[in-house]
Amino acid sequence: MTPTTTSERLTERELVVWRSLLDTTTDLRRLLAAELQQVELSPGDYAVLLALTEADERTLRSSELADAIDWERSRLSHHLGRMERRGLIRRTDCPGDNRGALVLLTEDGFEAIRRASGPHLRAVKRLFADALDPQQLDALADVLGSIRSHLDTTHLDTTDQEGHRA
């Protein structure tokens, strides 16, 4: 099925589905955040810790971390300060770049994400995956793939070679 563009305005059906998507993802995020709170992590903590866990030597430049979790650098800086005070991460100067900082996952941070991952993934299964039968999961994967492709194409059409909006 190929999407068609007949009008720049949303139809009533498109608006209902869009609002349902927003409301459902908001509810999922809220419920998953509550689950993470039980292990004393916020969704932001989890995103930072996960990105660092997946990085080489559990270390990223702060700018790379901001890009990885899609946060503004100032938001990330404030959040990292709170995480550093809790001993979850450590920041050091970036060799060769006086303005840059490296963010390192501490052993306490690694232990925190290890402790949180099982309950978090079980909550994702219970709240998300268990709601769908295999055909629905396949259909959702197709829908999300279509949206991702469209966003990637649209983004390419509206940015210059350096990634700035045209």
C-alpha atoms as a PDB file:
ATOM      1  CA  MET A   1       0.000   0.000   0.000  1.00  0.00           C
ATOM      2  CA  THR A   2       1.404   3.394  -0.990  1.00  0.00           C
ATOM      3  CA  PRO A   3       0.461   6.486   0.994  1.00  0.00           C
ATOM      4  CA  THR A   4      -1.168   9.233  -1.031  1.00  0.00           C
ATOM      5  CA  THR A   5      -1.144  12.958  -0.497  1.00  0.00           C
ATOM      6  CA  THR A   6      -4.499  14.474  -1.375  1.00  0.00           C
ATOM      7  CA  SER A   7      -4.626  17.371   1.072  1.00  0.00           C
ATOM      8  CA  GLU A   8      -2.359  19.198   3.474  1.00  0.00           C
ATOM      9  CA  ARG A   9      -5.027  18.919   6.175  1.00  0.00           C
ATOM     10  CA  LEU A  10      -5.550  15.863   8.336  1.00  0.00           C
ATOM     11  CA  THR A  11      -8.762  13.987   7.826  1.00  0.00           C
ATOM     12  CA  GLU A  12     -10.865  13.299  10.899  1.00  0.00           C
ATOM     13  CA  ARG A  13      -9.721   9.650  10.826  1.00  0.00           C
ATOM     14  CA  GLU A  14      -6.045  10.646  10.528  1.00  0.00           C
ATOM     15  CA  LEU A  15      -6.428  13.013  13.462  1.00  0.00           C
ATOM     16  CA  VAL A  16      -8.120  10.342  15.607  1.00  0.00           C
ATOM     17  CA  VAL A  17      -5.338   7.835  14.851  1.00  0.00           C
ATOM     18  CA  TRP A  18      -2.633  10.465  15.472  1.00  0.00           C
ATOM     19  CA  ARG A  19      -4.130  11.393  18.851  1.00  0.00           C
ATOM     20  CA  SER A  20      -4.443   7.716  19.742  1.00  0.00           C
ATOM     21  CA  LEU A  21      -0.744   7.230  18.935  1.00  0.00           C
ATOM     22  CA  LEU A  22       0.236  10.214  21.111  1.00  0.00           C
ATOM     23  CA  ASP A  23      -2.015   9.171  23.996  1.00  0.00           C
ATOM     24  CA  THR A  24      -0.885   5.526  23.877  1.00  0.00           C
ATOM     25  CA  THR A  25       2.830   6.331  23.752  1.00  0.00           C
ATOM     26  CA  THR A  26       2.382   8.857  26.571  1.00  0.00           C
ATOM     27  CA  ASP A  27       0.665   6.214  28.696  1.00  0.00           C
ATOM     28  CA  LEU A  28       3.356   3.628  27.898  1.00  0.00           C
ATOM     29  CA  ARG A  29       6.125   6.071  28.826  1.00  0.00           C
ATOM     30  CA  ARG A  30       4.358   7.004  32.073  1.00  0.00           C
ATOM     31  CA  LEU A  31       3.866   3.379  33.086  1.00  0.00           C
ATOM     32  CA  LEU A  32       7.429   2.397  32.158  1.00  0.00           C
ATOM     33  CA  ALA A  33       8.765   5.409  34.078  1.00  0.00           C
ATOM     34  CA  ALA A  34       6.860   4.251  37.159  1.00  0.00           C
ATOM     35  CA  GLU A  35       8.447   0.812  36.803  1.00  0.00           C
ATOM     36  CA  LEU A  36      11.933   2.370  36.568  1.00  0.00           C
ATOM     37  CA  GLN A  37      11.254   4.476  39.654  1.00  0.00           C
ATOM     38  CA  GLN A  38      10.979   1.236  41.625  1.00  0.00           C
ATOM     39  CA  VAL A  39      14.708   0.694  40.972  1.00  0.00           C
ATOM     40  CA  GLU A  40      15.479   4.394  41.580  1.00  0.00           C
ATOM     41  CA  LEU A  41      16.106   5.355  37.959  1.00  0.00           C
ATOM     42  CA  SER A  42      14.324   7.817  35.705  1.00  0.00           C
ATOM     43  CA  PRO A  43      13.744   7.165  32.006  1.00  0.00           C
ATOM     44  CA  GLY A  44      16.504   9.712  31.344  1.00  0.00           C
ATOM     45  CA  ASP A  45      18.899   7.851  33.653  1.00  0.00           C
ATOM     46  CA  TYR A  46      18.096   4.612  31.843  1.00  0.00           C
ATOM     47  CA  ALA A  47      18.655   6.172  28.398  1.00  0.00           C
ATOM     48  CA  VAL A  48      22.040   7.579  29.446  1.00  0.00           C
ATOM     49  CA  LEU A  49      23.148   4.369  31.139  1.00  0.00           C
ATOM     50  CA  LEU A  50      22.020   2.223  28.196  1.00  0.00           C
ATOM     51  CA  ALA A  51      23.899   4.386  25.675  1.00  0.00           C
ATOM     52  CA  LEU A  52      27.048   4.214  27.804  1.00  0.00           C
ATOM     53  CA  THR A  53      26.681   0.456  28.286  1.00  0.00           C
ATOM     54  CA  GLU A  54      26.562  -0.009  24.519  1.00  0.00           C
ATOM     55  CA  ALA A  55      29.545   2.315  23.849  1.00  0.00           C
ATOM     56  CA  ASP A  56      33.144   1.211  23.434  1.00  0.00           C
ATOM     57  CA  GLU A  57      34.816   1.170  26.838  1.00  0.00           C
ATOM     58  CA  ARG A  58      31.484   2.403  28.295  1.00  0.00           C
ATOM     59  CA  THR A  59      32.528   5.959  27.385  1.00  0.00           C
ATOM     60  CA  LEU A  60      31.124   8.635  25.055  1.00  0.00           C
ATOM     61  CA  ARG A  61      31.852  12.276  24.379  1.00  0.00           C
ATOM     62  CA  SER A  62      29.023  14.310  25.855  1.00  0.00           C
ATOM     63  CA  SER A  63      28.069  15.546  22.362  1.00  0.00           C
ATOM     64  CA  GLU A  64      27.875  11.944  21.096  1.00  0.00           C
ATOM     65  CA  LEU A  65      25.755  10.982  24.096  1.00  0.00           C
ATOM     66  CA  ALA A  66      23.381  13.898  23.459  1.00  0.00           C
ATOM     67  CA  ASP A  67      22.998  12.767  19.850  1.00  0.00           C
ATOM     68  CA  ALA A  68      22.556   9.117  20.862  1.00  0.00           C
ATOM     69  CA  ILE A  69      19.625   9.869  23.163  1.00  0.00           C
ATOM     70  CA  ASP A  70      18.321  12.852  21.150  1.00  0.00           C
ATOM     71  CA  TRP A  71      18.672  15.437  23.925  1.00  0.00           C
ATOM     72  CA  GLU A  72      19.772  19.049  23.835  1.00  0.00           C
ATOM     73  CA  ARG A  73      23.282  19.434  25.206  1.00  0.00           C
ATOM     74  CA  SER A  74      22.202  21.767  28.027  1.00  0.00           C
ATOM     75  CA  ARG A  75      19.524  19.326  29.213  1.00  0.00           C
ATOM     76  CA  LEU A  76      22.055  16.505  29.131  1.00  0.00           C
ATOM     77  CA  SER A  77      24.640  18.534  31.043  1.00  0.00           C
ATOM     78  CA  HIS A  78      22.216  19.213  33.909  1.00  0.00           C
ATOM     79  CA  HIS A  79      21.098  15.593  33.973  1.00  0.00           C
ATOM     80  CA  LEU A  80      24.676  14.309  33.964  1.00  0.00           C
ATOM     81  CA  GLY A  81      25.433  16.522  36.950  1.00  0.00           C
ATOM     82  CA  ARG A  82      22.658  14.833  38.917  1.00  0.00           C
ATOM     83  CA  MET A  83      23.798  11.371  37.801  1.00  0.00           C
ATOM     84  CA  GLU A  84      27.397  12.180  38.677  1.00  0.00           C
ATOM     85  CA  ARG A  85      26.393  13.236  42.207  1.00  0.00           C
ATOM     86  CA  ARG A  86      24.694   9.828  42.558  1.00  0.00           C
ATOM     87  CA  GLY A  87      27.846   8.059  41.373  1.00  0.00           C
ATOM     88  CA  LEU A  88      26.280   6.581  38.214  1.00  0.00           C
ATOM     89  CA  ILE A  89      28.613   8.310  35.754  1.00  0.00           C
ATOM     90  CA  ARG A  90      31.849  10.275  35.821  1.00  0.00           C
ATOM     91  CA  ARG A  91      32.876  13.150  33.559  1.00  0.00           C
ATOM     92  CA  THR A  92      36.450  13.854  32.551  1.00  0.00           C
ATOM     93  CA  ASP A  93      38.118  16.272  30.174  1.00  0.00           C
ATOM     94  CA  CYS A  94      38.330  15.107  26.607  1.00  0.00           C
ATOM     95  CA  PRO A  95      41.957  14.750  25.505  1.00  0.00           C
ATOM     96  CA  GLY A  96      42.757  17.277  22.809  1.00  0.00           C
ATOM     97  CA  ASP A  97      39.494  19.227  23.216  1.00  0.00           C
ATOM     98  CA  ASN A  98      39.327  21.766  26.050  1.00  0.00           C
ATOM     99  CA  ARG A  99      35.587  22.272  25.530  1.00  0.00           C
ATOM    100  CA  GLY A 100      34.657  18.603  25.293  1.00  0.00           C
ATOM    101  CA  ALA A 101      33.969  16.123  28.059  1.00  0.00           C
ATOM    102  CA  LEU A 102      33.978  12.366  28.189  1.00  0.00           C
ATOM    103  CA  VAL A 103      31.193  10.611  30.067  1.00  0.00           C
ATOM    104  CA  LEU A 104      32.161   7.301  31.646  1.00  0.00           C
ATOM    105  CA  LEU A 105      29.873   4.666  33.120  1.00  0.00           C
ATOM    106  CA  THR A 106      30.916   3.864  36.697  1.00  0.00           C
ATOM    107  CA  GLU A 107      30.624   0.453  38.320  1.00  0.00           C
ATOM    108  CA  ASP A 108      27.657   1.810  40.321  1.00  0.00           C
ATOM    109  CA  GLY A 109      26.061   2.962  37.067  1.00  0.00           C
ATOM    110  CA  PHE A 110      26.649  -0.411  35.446  1.00  0.00           C
ATOM    111  CA  GLU A 111      25.134  -2.134  38.478  1.00  0.00           C
ATOM    112  CA  ALA A 112      22.124   0.215  38.359  1.00  0.00           C
ATOM    113  CA  ILE A 113      21.311  -0.558  34.719  1.00  0.00           C
ATOM    114  CA  ARG A 114      21.953  -4.260  35.250  1.00  0.00           C
ATOM    115  CA  ARG A 115      19.493  -4.200  38.152  1.00  0.00           C
ATOM    116  CA  ALA A 116      16.937  -2.173  36.158  1.00  0.00           C
ATOM    117  CA  SER A 117      17.103  -3.958  32.794  1.00  0.00           C
ATOM    118  CA  GLY A 118      15.300  -7.160  33.763  1.00  0.00           C
ATOM    119  CA  PRO A 119      12.293  -5.463  35.377  1.00  0.00           C
ATOM    120  CA  HIS A 120      12.215  -2.817  32.626  1.00  0.00           C
ATOM    121  CA  LEU A 121      12.214  -5.344  29.787  1.00  0.00           C
ATOM    122  CA  ARG A 122       9.590  -7.461  31.572  1.00  0.00           C
ATOM    123  CA  ALA A 123       7.418  -4.317  31.837  1.00  0.00           C
ATOM    124  CA  VAL A 124       7.907  -3.604  28.114  1.00  0.00           C
ATOM    125  CA  LYS A 125       6.812  -7.180  27.379  1.00  0.00           C
ATOM    126  CA  ARG A 126       3.813  -6.994  29.722  1.00  0.00           C
ATOM    127  CA  LEU A 127       2.615  -3.517  28.679  1.00  0.00           C
ATOM    128  CA  PHE A 128       3.506  -3.579  24.980  1.00  0.00           C
ATOM    129  CA  ALA A 129       4.402  -6.908  23.388  1.00  0.00           C
ATOM    130  CA  ASP A 130       1.786  -8.973  25.228  1.00  0.00           C
ATOM    131  CA  ALA A 131      -0.950  -6.655  23.893  1.00  0.00           C
ATOM    132  CA  LEU A 132      -0.201  -7.746  20.313  1.00  0.00           C
ATOM    133  CA  ASP A 133      -0.559 -11.042  18.525  1.00  0.00           C
ATOM    134  CA  PRO A 134       2.226 -11.989  16.070  1.00  0.00           C
ATOM    135  CA  GLN A 135       0.344 -10.572  13.065  1.00  0.00           C
ATOM    136  CA  GLN A 136      -0.268  -7.273  14.845  1.00  0.00           C
ATOM    137  CA  LEU A 137       3.383  -7.075  15.824  1.00  0.00           C
ATOM    138  CA  ASP A 138       4.394  -7.667  12.184  1.00  0.00           C
ATOM    139  CA  ALA A 139       1.883  -5.048  11.005  1.00  0.00           C
ATOM    140  CA  LEU A 140       3.158  -2.539  13.556  1.00  0.00           C
ATOM    141  CA  ALA A 141       6.750  -3.202  12.462  1.00  0.00           C
ATOM    142  CA  ASP A 142       5.680  -2.517   8.848  1.00  0.00           C
ATOM    143  CA  VAL A 143       3.859   0.674   9.823  1.00  0.00           C
ATOM    144  CA  LEU A 144       6.789   1.958  11.859  1.00  0.00           C
ATOM    145  CA  GLY A 145       9.172   1.076   9.013  1.00  0.00           C
ATOM    146  CA  SER A 146       7.024   3.086   6.592  1.00  0.00           C
ATOM    147  CA  ILE A 147       6.965   6.077   8.920  1.00  0.00           C
ATOM    148  CA  ARG A 148      10.745   5.823   9.509  1.00  0.00           C
ATOM    149  CA  SER A 149      11.401   5.696   5.743  1.00  0.00           C
ATOM    150  CA  HIS A 150       9.106   8.665   5.185  1.00  0.00           C
ATOM    151  CA  LEU A 151      10.803  10.662   7.950  1.00  0.00           C
ATOM    152  CA  ASP A 152      14.250   9.810   6.603  1.00  0.00           C
ATOM    153  CA  THR A 153      13.217  10.885   3.097  1.00  0.00           C
ATOM    154  CA  THR A 154      11.468  14.015   4.344  1.00  0.00           C
ATOM    155  CA  HIS A 155      14.458  14.890   6.534  1.00  0.00           C
ATOM    156  CA  LEU A 156      16.812  14.514   3.554  1.00  0.00           C
ATOM    157  CA  ASP A 157      14.561  16.780   1.494  1.00  0.00           C
ATOM    158  CA  THR A 158      14.574  19.524   4.138  1.00  0.00           C
ATOM    159  CA  THR A 159      18.216  19.609   5.261  1.00  0.00           C
ATOM    160  CA  ASP A 160      21.382  20.835   3.648  1.00  0.00           C
ATOM    161  CA  GLN A 161      24.604  18.838   3.402  1.00  0.00           C
ATOM    162  CA  GLU A 162      25.592  19.758   6.984  1.00  0.00           C
ATOM    163  CA  GLY A 163      22.300  18.572   8.469  1.00  0.00           C
ATOM    164  CA  HIS A 164      20.718  22.020   8.892  1.00  0.00           C
ATOM    165  CA  ARG A 165      17.104  22.670   8.005  1.00  0.00           C
ATOM    166  CA  ALA A 166      16.790  24.407   4.660  1.00  0.00           C
END
